């Protein structure tokens, strides 16, 4: 099983990257999966416009991202919330990739996560991602918001320490192989 995981942000010290890495490691431990963790900094593209696409064609990084999704057996994404919505780096990448195929996730089993330092747990962006999952071609297996990241995650050990949230995460991740 090949699992592709990424935090939908370009923040180098992202708490969402810590969460998605933890989730991917759980799948690797429990299912013997091979994991690849992407960094959105490797996919920074010019701001999408139809003119840029017409003049220059599809950007090779957008094609590479699309191909990685297509080669994966499962995808795990953790969304950072910027002003209640997607981080610009993810939104722009998706704008490019959706021009290859609107169903960019190619019916790949997907788990969506989000976290923030506050009690909302990036719930707004997660709700948006869950609501649009079918349009993006995600085979959504579950979603989880982790509120108050610093209270619920041990950053030194890289693990979710809230037992209830940890159990919910394990249950959701088990759906990736079904």
Protein backbone atom coordinates (compact mmCIF):
# COMPACT_ATOMS: atom_id res chain seq x y z
CA UNK A 1 0.00 0.00 0.00
CA UNK A 2 1.39 3.40 -1.06
CA UNK A 3 0.21 6.35 1.02
CA UNK A 4 0.70 9.95 -0.08
CA UNK A 5 0.46 12.51 2.73
CA UNK A 6 0.84 16.26 2.92
CA UNK A 7 -0.06 19.35 4.87
CA UNK A 8 -1.92 21.82 2.67
CA UNK A 9 0.34 24.69 3.67
CA UNK A 10 3.82 25.99 2.91
CA UNK A 11 4.67 26.80 6.53
CA UNK A 12 7.92 24.94 7.23
CA UNK A 13 7.13 24.31 10.92
CA UNK A 14 3.48 23.50 10.27
CA UNK A 15 1.48 21.80 13.00
CA UNK A 16 -0.60 20.30 10.17
CA UNK A 17 2.54 18.68 8.79
CA UNK A 18 3.21 17.21 12.22
CA UNK A 19 -0.35 15.85 12.37
CA UNK A 20 -0.34 14.38 8.85
CA UNK A 21 3.09 12.82 9.43
CA UNK A 22 1.78 11.18 12.60
CA UNK A 23 -1.28 9.87 10.73
CA UNK A 24 0.84 8.51 7.87
CA UNK A 25 3.20 6.82 10.33
CA UNK A 26 0.21 5.12 11.99
CA UNK A 27 -0.83 3.68 8.63
CA UNK A 28 2.74 2.54 8.01
CA UNK A 29 2.90 0.85 11.42
CA UNK A 30 -0.54 -0.78 11.25
CA UNK A 31 -0.68 -1.74 7.60
CA UNK A 32 2.95 -1.92 6.54
CA UNK A 33 2.33 0.90 4.07
CA UNK A 34 5.00 2.81 2.21
CA UNK A 35 4.51 6.50 2.88
CA UNK A 36 5.59 9.57 0.97
CA UNK A 37 5.20 12.92 2.66
CA UNK A 38 5.10 15.84 0.26
CA UNK A 39 6.12 19.39 1.06
CA UNK A 40 3.98 22.09 -0.56
CA UNK A 41 7.12 24.24 -0.85
CA UNK A 42 8.15 21.86 -3.64
CA UNK A 43 4.94 22.73 -5.53
CA UNK A 44 4.87 26.52 -5.47
CA UNK A 45 3.60 27.61 -8.87
CA UNK A 46 2.89 30.92 -10.56
CA UNK A 47 -0.56 32.19 -9.72
CA UNK A 48 -2.97 30.24 -11.93
CA UNK A 49 -4.65 32.01 -14.82
CA UNK A 50 -6.14 30.72 -18.04
CA UNK A 51 -3.77 33.06 -19.88
CA UNK A 52 -0.71 31.47 -18.25
CA UNK A 53 -1.99 28.01 -19.07
CA UNK A 54 -2.78 28.98 -22.68
CA UNK A 55 0.59 30.67 -23.21
CA UNK A 56 2.80 28.18 -21.37
CA UNK A 57 0.81 24.96 -21.16
CA UNK A 58 0.33 22.88 -18.06
CA UNK A 59 2.97 23.53 -15.44
CA UNK A 60 5.11 20.38 -14.97
CA UNK A 61 4.80 20.56 -11.15
CA UNK A 62 1.01 20.41 -11.45
CA UNK A 63 1.31 17.32 -13.64
CA UNK A 64 3.80 15.78 -11.20
CA UNK A 65 1.41 16.34 -8.28
CA UNK A 66 -1.50 14.88 -10.25
CA UNK A 67 0.60 11.83 -11.17
CA UNK A 68 1.62 11.27 -7.53
CA UNK A 69 -2.03 11.20 -6.50
CA UNK A 70 -2.82 8.74 -9.29
CA UNK A 71 0.01 6.43 -8.21
CA UNK A 72 -1.10 6.40 -4.55
CA UNK A 73 -3.38 3.82 -2.96
CA UNK A 74 -4.45 6.36 -0.33
CA UNK A 75 -4.06 10.06 0.43
CA UNK A 76 -3.99 11.85 3.79
CA UNK A 77 -4.23 15.65 3.87
CA UNK A 78 -4.11 18.01 6.85
CA UNK A 79 -5.42 21.49 6.10
CA UNK A 80 -4.10 24.68 7.60
CA UNK A 81 -6.77 27.35 7.90
CA UNK A 82 -5.93 30.80 6.58
CA UNK A 83 -8.69 33.30 7.28
CA UNK A 84 -11.27 30.51 7.35
CA UNK A 85 -10.18 28.95 4.06
CA UNK A 86 -7.43 27.04 2.24
CA UNK A 87 -3.83 28.22 2.36
CA UNK A 88 -2.99 30.02 -0.88
CA UNK A 89 -0.29 27.51 -1.87
CA UNK A 90 -2.81 24.62 -1.80
CA UNK A 91 -5.59 26.55 -3.52
CA UNK A 92 -3.27 27.64 -6.31
CA UNK A 93 -1.88 24.13 -6.79
CA UNK A 94 -5.40 22.72 -6.92
CA UNK A 95 -6.41 25.40 -9.44
CA UNK A 96 -3.60 24.18 -11.73
CA UNK A 97 -4.21 20.46 -11.15
CA UNK A 98 -7.96 20.73 -11.67
CA UNK A 99 -7.26 21.88 -15.23
CA UNK A 100 -5.75 18.44 -15.86
CA UNK A 101 -8.85 16.80 -14.39
CA UNK A 102 -11.47 18.36 -12.09
CA UNK A 103 -11.54 14.98 -10.29
CA UNK A 104 -7.89 15.53 -9.35
CA UNK A 105 -7.95 12.94 -6.55
CA UNK A 106 -8.91 10.26 -9.06
CA UNK A 107 -11.24 8.39 -6.65
CA UNK A 108 -8.32 7.63 -4.34
CA UNK A 109 -9.34 6.74 -0.77
CA UNK A 110 -8.68 9.91 1.22
CA UNK A 111 -8.66 11.04 4.85
CA UNK A 112 -8.92 14.75 5.60
CA UNK A 113 -7.53 16.29 8.77
CA UNK A 114 -7.10 19.80 10.13
CA UNK A 115 -5.69 21.37 13.25
CA UNK A 116 -5.01 24.76 14.74
CA UNK A 117 -3.71 26.11 18.03
CA UNK A 118 -7.21 27.31 18.91
CA UNK A 119 -10.39 25.51 19.93
CA UNK A 120 -11.85 25.61 16.40
CA UNK A 121 -9.33 23.10 15.08
CA UNK A 122 -9.43 24.64 11.57
CA UNK A 123 -13.01 23.45 11.33
CA UNK A 124 -14.02 25.96 8.65
CA UNK A 125 -11.47 24.82 6.08
CA UNK A 126 -12.09 21.17 6.96
CA UNK A 127 -15.84 21.62 6.41
CA UNK A 128 -15.11 23.21 3.04
CA UNK A 129 -12.79 20.35 2.04
CA UNK A 130 -15.28 17.70 3.15
CA UNK A 131 -18.11 19.49 1.34
CA UNK A 132 -16.20 19.60 -1.93
CA UNK A 133 -14.53 16.17 -1.72
CA UNK A 134 -16.90 14.50 -4.18
CA UNK A 135 -16.37 17.27 -6.74
CA UNK A 136 -12.59 16.78 -6.45
CA UNK A 137 -12.84 13.01 -6.99
CA UNK A 138 -11.99 12.03 -3.42
CA UNK A 139 -13.18 8.70 -2.06
CA UNK A 140 -13.59 10.28 1.37
CA UNK A 141 -13.06 7.75 4.16
CA UNK A 142 -13.35 10.21 7.02
CA UNK A 143 -12.26 13.50 8.51
CA UNK A 144 -11.05 14.77 11.85
CA UNK A 145 -10.47 18.20 13.32
CA UNK A 146 -7.93 18.39 16.14
CA UNK A 147 -8.59 21.47 18.25
CA UNK A 148 -6.04 23.12 20.54
CA UNK A 149 -3.09 21.36 18.91
CA UNK A 150 -0.59 22.20 21.64
CA UNK A 151 -2.82 20.61 24.29
CA UNK A 152 -3.57 17.46 22.30
CA UNK A 153 -0.29 16.68 20.51
CA UNK A 154 3.15 15.93 21.92
CA UNK A 155 5.48 17.70 19.49
CA UNK A 156 8.61 16.07 20.93
CA UNK A 157 7.26 12.54 20.41
CA UNK A 158 5.26 13.48 17.31
CA UNK A 159 2.06 11.82 18.54
CA UNK A 160 -1.51 12.69 19.33
CA UNK A 161 -1.85 12.35 23.12
CA UNK A 162 -5.58 12.97 23.49
CA UNK A 163 -6.90 9.40 23.79
CA UNK A 164 -10.34 10.16 22.36
CA UNK A 165 -8.94 11.98 19.32
CA UNK A 166 -6.30 9.29 18.86
CA UNK A 167 -8.97 6.58 18.81
CA UNK A 168 -11.02 8.57 16.30
CA UNK A 169 -7.97 9.01 14.09
CA UNK A 170 -7.16 5.28 14.20
CA UNK A 171 -10.75 4.43 13.25
CA UNK A 172 -10.78 6.84 10.32
CA UNK A 173 -7.41 5.65 9.05
CA UNK A 174 -8.58 2.02 9.15
CA UNK A 175 -11.00 2.95 6.35
CA UNK A 176 -8.14 3.57 3.93
CA UNK A 177 -7.66 -0.12 3.23
CA UNK A 178 -11.34 -1.03 2.97
